[in-house]
Amino acid sequence: AALRPPMEVPVPVLGGGQEANDSHVVHIRIPGKWMSANTSSMCVAMVEREELCNECAFSDKCTSQALWGASDPELFLEFKLPRPDFSLAAAGVDTVGPHALCFRGHGPLADQGKDDSAPPVVLLGHVRYFRPPVVRFLQGVQSIGVRTFLNPGWKQTVRLECANCSSESRLVVQPIMTDIRRCRDWTQHTLAAIAAAARDGQIPQSVDLEHHKNTKVEEIIRSHGTEASLNPLLCKPLDRGPCGPAVWDDASAHGGDVPSSMVGLPMAGEEAAGDERAMGGGIGDSMTTMTFVLESARRLLARERQILFHHRSALCFYPAGDASSGWLVGFAAVQMDGLDMQAFIGFVCFFGVALPLICLVTALLHYSKYERCKQHLQQLRLEFQREQLEREMASRRGFGGRSSSSR
């Protein structure tokens, strides 16, 4: 049996002769509904050819691990698989090689069958090897303005120096969830995140530290985030690195805390553009300044705003579109957009202060006009009554004069 459509898992090329370690793993997301799957017999393996995708590939102890915490069982289940020795010496780049991925177990990929029946073996797809990029850790904190009042959304460009980057690379904003009661200083906030990322292998040798040589940042990374390297900082390292699994689409559809729609895509035509320059740090390659555009037209949820505006965020680089694990390449401060905030303040000031004041002044002027009109009307009425009285008195005097003359 085979998965339809077959998967194509990107895997970075490593030099031959390297021994497998914890950082040489492949993260595989298998689609399907896994809520009711039998987890006892599930296993994933990598074989040299798809013809070897059978029971013999699972004769040894299963080395893969199902990551339920990083999965959405209604959509996919993620597995972590250590790379076998033959995959470390793969030489083909940007091609789908003969190496294949197999799945054994009862689940949505095959007929569930009975629990005591032999678990079926399914061909998931093939491995596509790519040359791992080299990126330079950003200098300074990137500011990202979020609009929530007029034209909600955000748009920010981030220029990242890298080599071997492709159009499949992604730059994602991930919030750093630390205890802000103990980690109020932003410097300690970021150093604690760097320690967690270095400990979890999220700052590999492919991340160049040209802008942070001989600093506390380099010291923490070189010591792999040990607690001794954080002394005398008050912040403790995070439980896990900030550049973990991400989801490219809207986070609200998955009920997650991470606003994973804050994803930066390479600017069109920038895959081979930019000024090439020699890369420092003893790495013999060329660097290209690549522009990533973080853009969206959606409004952040209230929970997302509370997380992003009150925590420093990490900029995570995902080399080949693989959302399982990224590299920490910088930090970002997500905040209200300045012009949008001015528009909101202007709206509040106008409708909350200026408009009521205008209405009050208009009401006072109208009342004053009403009083003047009332007085003017009363004066006209008195003048009219006086004139009417004078005419009546004049008519009576004339009537009395004619009566006396007739006598």
Foldseek 3Di string as FASTA:
>chain_A
DADVPADEFEAEAAAAPDDWDPLQKGKDKAWDQFPPFDPPKKAKAKDQAPVPQAVVRPPDPGQKDWDPVLDQNHTIIMIIGTDDNVRNHDDDAQDFHRMWMKIWGQGPRDDNPDPPDGTGMYTRHTYHYHHFKAWEFDDDAAEWAAFAFPQGKTKDKDKIKMPRFAQQKKKWKFFQDFDCVQVVDVVLQVLLLLLQCLLSVQAPPSYHHPVQPPHLSVQSNVVSNDPVSSPPRRTHHDPHHRFFFADCDAVVVRPDLTRGVQMWGWDPPQRPDADWDADDDPDGDTIGTIMTMRIDRDHDDPSNCVRQQSTKIFIWMDRRNGRGGTHTRYIYRYDHDPVSVVVVVVVCCCVVPVVVVVVVVVVVVVVVVVVVVVVVVVVVVVVVVVVVVVVVVVVVVVVVVVVVVVD
